[in-house]
Amino acid sequence: CAESDDGIRWTKPDFRAAKYKGTKSNNLIADEQGRPIPNLHVFQDAGPASASGRIKGFYFQRAESFRDFIQNERGLLRAVFLTSHDGVTFRRMSNQPRMLCNAPETTETFATMFWSEAEKAYVCTYRSWNGVHTLTRTTSVDFVRWSRPRGSMGFGSGDPWHIWTSGM
């Protein structure tokens, strides 16, 4: 985590939440066991699921690693959802929504999520793989059931090209 009041000068708070290279003196956020969380995407929940925590986060891991894995998820990534009261220490949500991602590696994902008041739904846009890195979108009205991802971003008549990050 890094913080800034003006977007120019940044500080790294010393959370002492996760041990890294033998010390807890760092700016890492952690799970409830004090382990750093890899590739965590954090957002402030303004939707109806905020009762389970106003600060939520998620990251992707291989779908095969979930106990309730089903065969048609082989080769996909699945989101692990967490919640936090302070934005520093996160705990895994007991009811894990099933949100899938088609990307080659967990480190390949880049995602944003927010509550869309206009759509009355949670919206997640993430980087996926369709021969090139591209963007995919999925939605949920209850944060539990997620829509089938709405394809990859189209390129019209132009050649497809890699999209590495988005400013969604």
C-alpha atoms as a PDB file:
ATOM      1  CA  CYS A   1       0.000   0.000   0.000  1.00  0.00           C
ATOM      2  CA  ALA A   2       1.122   3.550  -0.749  1.00  0.00           C
ATOM      3  CA  GLU A   3      -0.811   6.691   0.204  1.00  0.00           C
ATOM      4  CA  SER A   4      -0.911  10.226  -1.125  1.00  0.00           C
ATOM      5  CA  ASP A   5      -2.896  13.378  -0.427  1.00  0.00           C
ATOM      6  CA  ASP A   6      -1.991  14.981  -3.749  1.00  0.00           C
ATOM      7  CA  GLY A   7      -1.063  12.122  -6.112  1.00  0.00           C
ATOM      8  CA  ILE A   8       2.507  13.451  -6.332  1.00  0.00           C
ATOM      9  CA  ARG A   9       4.153  12.724  -2.979  1.00  0.00           C
ATOM     10  CA  TRP A  10       3.667   9.176  -1.696  1.00  0.00           C
ATOM     11  CA  THR A  11       4.354   7.477   1.621  1.00  0.00           C
ATOM     12  CA  LYS A  12       4.358   3.803   2.510  1.00  0.00           C
ATOM     13  CA  PRO A  13       2.712   3.180   5.881  1.00  0.00           C
ATOM     14  CA  ASP A  14       4.232   0.626   8.241  1.00  0.00           C
ATOM     15  CA  PHE A  15       1.239  -1.665   8.837  1.00  0.00           C
ATOM     16  CA  ARG A  16       3.165  -4.509  10.510  1.00  0.00           C
ATOM     17  CA  ALA A  17       0.443  -6.844   9.218  1.00  0.00           C
ATOM     18  CA  ALA A  18       2.503  -9.354   7.217  1.00  0.00           C
ATOM     19  CA  LYS A  19       5.950 -10.823   7.644  1.00  0.00           C
ATOM     20  CA  TYR A  20       8.246 -10.476   4.627  1.00  0.00           C
ATOM     21  CA  LYS A  21      11.964 -11.292   4.464  1.00  0.00           C
ATOM     22  CA  GLY A  22      12.067 -11.794   8.216  1.00  0.00           C
ATOM     23  CA  THR A  23      10.395  -8.538   9.266  1.00  0.00           C
ATOM     24  CA  LYS A  24       6.912  -7.138   9.770  1.00  0.00           C
ATOM     25  CA  SER A  25       8.148  -3.576   9.234  1.00  0.00           C
ATOM     26  CA  ASN A  26       6.587  -3.025   5.800  1.00  0.00           C
ATOM     27  CA  ASN A  27       3.551  -1.719   3.938  1.00  0.00           C
ATOM     28  CA  LEU A  28       2.075  -5.112   2.976  1.00  0.00           C
ATOM     29  CA  ILE A  29      -1.551  -6.001   3.579  1.00  0.00           C
ATOM     30  CA  ALA A  30      -2.287  -9.494   4.864  1.00  0.00           C
ATOM     31  CA  ASP A  31      -4.790 -12.258   5.381  1.00  0.00           C
ATOM     32  CA  GLU A  32      -6.002 -13.221   8.860  1.00  0.00           C
ATOM     33  CA  GLN A  33      -2.954 -15.485   9.319  1.00  0.00           C
ATOM     34  CA  GLY A  34      -0.568 -12.587   8.647  1.00  0.00           C
ATOM     35  CA  ARG A  35       0.458 -13.777   5.163  1.00  0.00           C
ATOM     36  CA  PRO A  36       0.885 -11.246   2.327  1.00  0.00           C
ATOM     37  CA  ILE A  37      -1.906 -11.473  -0.264  1.00  0.00           C
ATOM     38  CA  PRO A  38      -0.703 -11.782  -3.874  1.00  0.00           C
ATOM     39  CA  ASN A  39      -2.263  -9.656  -6.646  1.00  0.00           C
ATOM     40  CA  LEU A  40      -5.096  -8.353  -4.459  1.00  0.00           C
ATOM     41  CA  HIS A  41      -7.644  -6.092  -6.140  1.00  0.00           C
ATOM     42  CA  VAL A  42      -9.318  -3.907  -3.484  1.00  0.00           C
ATOM     43  CA  PHE A  43     -12.494  -1.824  -3.729  1.00  0.00           C
ATOM     44  CA  GLN A  44     -14.927  -0.027  -1.452  1.00  0.00           C
ATOM     45  CA  ASP A  45     -18.289  -1.765  -1.566  1.00  0.00           C
ATOM     46  CA  ALA A  46     -21.163   0.689  -2.017  1.00  0.00           C
ATOM     47  CA  GLY A  47     -23.667  -2.019  -2.948  1.00  0.00           C
ATOM     48  CA  PRO A  48     -26.111  -4.266  -1.089  1.00  0.00           C
ATOM     49  CA  ALA A  49     -23.405  -6.843  -0.207  1.00  0.00           C
ATOM     50  CA  SER A  50     -21.607  -4.228   1.905  1.00  0.00           C
ATOM     51  CA  ALA A  51     -23.195  -5.771   5.015  1.00  0.00           C
ATOM     52  CA  SER A  52     -20.446  -8.418   4.777  1.00  0.00           C
ATOM     53  CA  GLY A  53     -17.827  -5.653   4.823  1.00  0.00           C
ATOM     54  CA  ARG A  54     -17.435  -2.245   3.175  1.00  0.00           C
ATOM     55  CA  ILE A  55     -13.896  -3.029   2.009  1.00  0.00           C
ATOM     56  CA  LYS A  56     -13.570  -6.050  -0.215  1.00  0.00           C
ATOM     57  CA  GLY A  57     -10.765  -7.600  -2.162  1.00  0.00           C
ATOM     58  CA  PHE A  58     -10.235 -10.476  -4.516  1.00  0.00           C
ATOM     59  CA  TYR A  59      -7.488 -12.294  -6.339  1.00  0.00           C
ATOM     60  CA  PHE A  60      -7.449 -15.190  -8.761  1.00  0.00           C
ATOM     61  CA  GLN A  61      -6.124 -18.718  -8.299  1.00  0.00           C
ATOM     62  CA  ARG A  62      -6.446 -21.923 -10.312  1.00  0.00           C
ATOM     63  CA  ALA A  63     -10.046 -23.193 -10.267  1.00  0.00           C
ATOM     64  CA  GLU A  64      -8.748 -26.721  -9.652  1.00  0.00           C
ATOM     65  CA  SER A  65      -7.558 -25.646  -6.181  1.00  0.00           C
ATOM     66  CA  PHE A  66     -11.137 -25.099  -4.899  1.00  0.00           C
ATOM     67  CA  ARG A  67     -12.869 -27.932  -3.064  1.00  0.00           C
ATOM     68  CA  ASP A  68     -16.055 -27.446  -5.106  1.00  0.00           C
ATOM     69  CA  PHE A  69     -14.164 -27.511  -8.428  1.00  0.00           C
ATOM     70  CA  ILE A  70     -16.179 -28.801 -11.374  1.00  0.00           C
ATOM     71  CA  GLN A  71     -14.680 -30.309 -14.509  1.00  0.00           C
ATOM     72  CA  ASN A  72     -15.724 -27.548 -16.951  1.00  0.00           C
ATOM     73  CA  GLU A  73     -13.620 -25.046 -14.933  1.00  0.00           C
ATOM     74  CA  ARG A  74     -10.339 -26.849 -15.718  1.00  0.00           C
ATOM     75  CA  GLY A  75      -7.703 -24.387 -16.943  1.00  0.00           C
ATOM     76  CA  LEU A  76      -9.604 -21.338 -15.692  1.00  0.00           C
ATOM     77  CA  LEU A  77      -8.880 -19.019 -12.790  1.00  0.00           C
ATOM     78  CA  ARG A  78     -11.422 -18.411 -10.037  1.00  0.00           C
ATOM     79  CA  ALA A  79     -11.688 -15.391  -7.771  1.00  0.00           C
ATOM     80  CA  VAL A  80     -11.022 -15.692  -4.043  1.00  0.00           C
ATOM     81  CA  PHE A  81     -13.090 -13.052  -2.231  1.00  0.00           C
ATOM     82  CA  LEU A  82     -12.028 -11.378   1.006  1.00  0.00           C
ATOM     83  CA  THR A  83     -13.397  -8.660   3.262  1.00  0.00           C
ATOM     84  CA  SER A  84     -11.755  -6.236   5.678  1.00  0.00           C
ATOM     85  CA  HIS A  85     -12.787  -3.748   8.348  1.00  0.00           C
ATOM     86  CA  ASP A  86      -9.616  -1.639   7.995  1.00  0.00           C
ATOM     87  CA  GLY A  87      -8.230  -2.301   4.496  1.00  0.00           C
ATOM     88  CA  VAL A  88      -5.053  -3.792   5.997  1.00  0.00           C
ATOM     89  CA  THR A  89      -6.035  -7.249   7.263  1.00  0.00           C
ATOM     90  CA  PHE A  90      -8.407  -9.295   5.109  1.00  0.00           C
ATOM     91  CA  ARG A  91     -10.326 -12.475   5.884  1.00  0.00           C
ATOM     92  CA  ARG A  92     -11.697 -14.920   3.363  1.00  0.00           C
ATOM     93  CA  MET A  93     -15.464 -14.621   2.904  1.00  0.00           C
ATOM     94  CA  SER A  94     -17.222 -17.771   4.097  1.00  0.00           C
ATOM     95  CA  ASN A  95     -19.559 -17.840   1.088  1.00  0.00           C
ATOM     96  CA  GLN A  96     -17.237 -17.802  -1.942  1.00  0.00           C
ATOM     97  CA  PRO A  97     -18.970 -16.448  -5.053  1.00  0.00           C
ATOM     98  CA  ARG A  98     -18.085 -18.293  -8.270  1.00  0.00           C
ATOM     99  CA  MET A  99     -16.425 -15.827 -10.643  1.00  0.00           C
ATOM    100  CA  LEU A 100     -14.225 -17.334 -13.353  1.00  0.00           C
ATOM    101  CA  CYS A 101     -11.481 -15.808 -15.485  1.00  0.00           C
ATOM    102  CA  ASN A 102      -9.757 -17.062 -18.615  1.00  0.00           C
ATOM    103  CA  ALA A 103      -6.130 -15.992 -18.206  1.00  0.00           C
ATOM    104  CA  PRO A 104      -2.898 -17.973 -18.562  1.00  0.00           C
ATOM    105  CA  GLU A 105      -1.525 -17.195 -15.077  1.00  0.00           C
ATOM    106  CA  THR A 106      -2.756 -15.679 -11.815  1.00  0.00           C
ATOM    107  CA  THR A 107      -0.131 -12.946 -12.198  1.00  0.00           C
ATOM    108  CA  GLU A 108      -1.602 -12.081 -15.612  1.00  0.00           C
ATOM    109  CA  THR A 109      -4.849 -10.723 -14.199  1.00  0.00           C
ATOM    110  CA  PHE A 110      -5.577  -7.073 -13.662  1.00  0.00           C
ATOM    111  CA  ALA A 111      -9.069  -6.306 -12.445  1.00  0.00           C
ATOM    112  CA  THR A 112     -11.348  -3.568 -11.224  1.00  0.00           C
ATOM    113  CA  MET A 113     -14.665  -3.946  -9.448  1.00  0.00           C
ATOM    114  CA  PHE A 114     -17.315  -1.490  -8.316  1.00  0.00           C
ATOM    115  CA  TRP A 115     -21.019  -1.143  -7.562  1.00  0.00           C
ATOM    116  CA  SER A 116     -22.762   0.471 -10.544  1.00  0.00           C
ATOM    117  CA  GLU A 117     -25.695   2.476  -9.262  1.00  0.00           C
ATOM    118  CA  ALA A 118     -26.933   2.935 -12.852  1.00  0.00           C
ATOM    119  CA  GLU A 119     -27.015  -0.847 -13.457  1.00  0.00           C
ATOM    120  CA  LYS A 120     -27.881  -1.817  -9.869  1.00  0.00           C
ATOM    121  CA  ALA A 121     -25.143  -4.429 -10.137  1.00  0.00           C
ATOM    122  CA  TYR A 122     -21.532  -5.143  -9.245  1.00  0.00           C
ATOM    123  CA  VAL A 123     -19.324  -4.814 -12.306  1.00  0.00           C
ATOM    124  CA  CYS A 124     -15.970  -6.540 -12.700  1.00  0.00           C
ATOM    125  CA  THR A 125     -13.679  -5.911 -15.647  1.00  0.00           C
ATOM    126  CA  TYR A 126     -10.577  -8.048 -15.830  1.00  0.00           C
ATOM    127  CA  ARG A 127      -7.772  -8.849 -18.207  1.00  0.00           C
ATOM    128  CA  SER A 128      -8.302 -12.173 -19.934  1.00  0.00           C
ATOM    129  CA  TRP A 129      -6.804 -14.183 -22.758  1.00  0.00           C
ATOM    130  CA  ASN A 130      -8.298 -14.565 -26.228  1.00  0.00           C
ATOM    131  CA  GLY A 131      -5.163 -15.028 -28.319  1.00  0.00           C
ATOM    132  CA  VAL A 132      -4.131 -11.614 -26.954  1.00  0.00           C
ATOM    133  CA  HIS A 133      -4.557  -9.995 -23.541  1.00  0.00           C
ATOM    134  CA  THR A 134      -7.921  -8.266 -23.653  1.00  0.00           C
ATOM    135  CA  LEU A 135     -10.717  -7.117 -21.313  1.00  0.00           C
ATOM    136  CA  THR A 136     -13.724  -9.140 -20.177  1.00  0.00           C
ATOM    137  CA  ARG A 137     -16.730  -7.965 -18.167  1.00  0.00           C
ATOM    138  CA  THR A 138     -19.039  -9.773 -15.753  1.00  0.00           C
ATOM    139  CA  THR A 139     -21.799  -8.516 -13.425  1.00  0.00           C
ATOM    140  CA  SER A 140     -23.689  -9.593 -10.305  1.00  0.00           C
ATOM    141  CA  VAL A 141     -26.736  -8.113  -8.587  1.00  0.00           C
ATOM    142  CA  ASP A 142     -26.086  -9.976  -5.318  1.00  0.00           C
ATOM    143  CA  PHE A 143     -22.274 -10.481  -5.295  1.00  0.00           C
ATOM    144  CA  VAL A 144     -22.828 -14.256  -5.190  1.00  0.00           C
ATOM    145  CA  ARG A 145     -24.042 -15.219  -8.664  1.00  0.00           C
ATOM    146  CA  TRP A 146     -21.967 -13.729 -11.497  1.00  0.00           C
ATOM    147  CA  SER A 147     -23.039 -13.462 -15.101  1.00  0.00           C
ATOM    148  CA  ARG A 148     -21.288 -15.437 -17.760  1.00  0.00           C
ATOM    149  CA  PRO A 149     -18.365 -13.241 -18.837  1.00  0.00           C
ATOM    150  CA  ARG A 150     -19.423 -11.073 -21.761  1.00  0.00           C
ATOM    151  CA  GLY A 151     -16.802 -12.075 -24.258  1.00  0.00           C
ATOM    152  CA  SER A 152     -13.568 -10.374 -24.854  1.00  0.00           C
ATOM    153  CA  MET A 153     -13.259  -6.786 -25.901  1.00  0.00           C
ATOM    154  CA  GLY A 154     -13.807  -6.502 -29.657  1.00  0.00           C
ATOM    155  CA  PHE A 155     -11.414  -4.835 -32.048  1.00  0.00           C
ATOM    156  CA  GLY A 156     -13.833  -4.225 -34.921  1.00  0.00           C
ATOM    157  CA  SER A 157     -12.126  -4.568 -38.278  1.00  0.00           C
ATOM    158  CA  GLY A 158      -8.717  -3.731 -36.805  1.00  0.00           C
ATOM    159  CA  ASP A 159      -6.008  -6.141 -35.744  1.00  0.00           C
ATOM    160  CA  PRO A 160      -6.252  -7.316 -32.131  1.00  0.00           C
ATOM    161  CA  TRP A 161      -3.550  -6.015 -29.810  1.00  0.00           C
ATOM    162  CA  HIS A 162      -2.613  -6.643 -26.187  1.00  0.00           C
ATOM    163  CA  ILE A 163      -4.321  -4.603 -23.493  1.00  0.00           C
ATOM    164  CA  TRP A 164      -2.159  -4.849 -20.384  1.00  0.00           C
ATOM    165  CA  THR A 165      -3.983  -2.548 -17.969  1.00  0.00           C
ATOM    166  CA  SER A 166      -7.193  -0.574 -17.866  1.00  0.00           C
ATOM    167  CA  GLY A 167      -8.244   2.572 -16.093  1.00  0.00           C
ATOM    168  CA  MET A 168     -11.811   1.393 -15.557  1.00  0.00           C
END
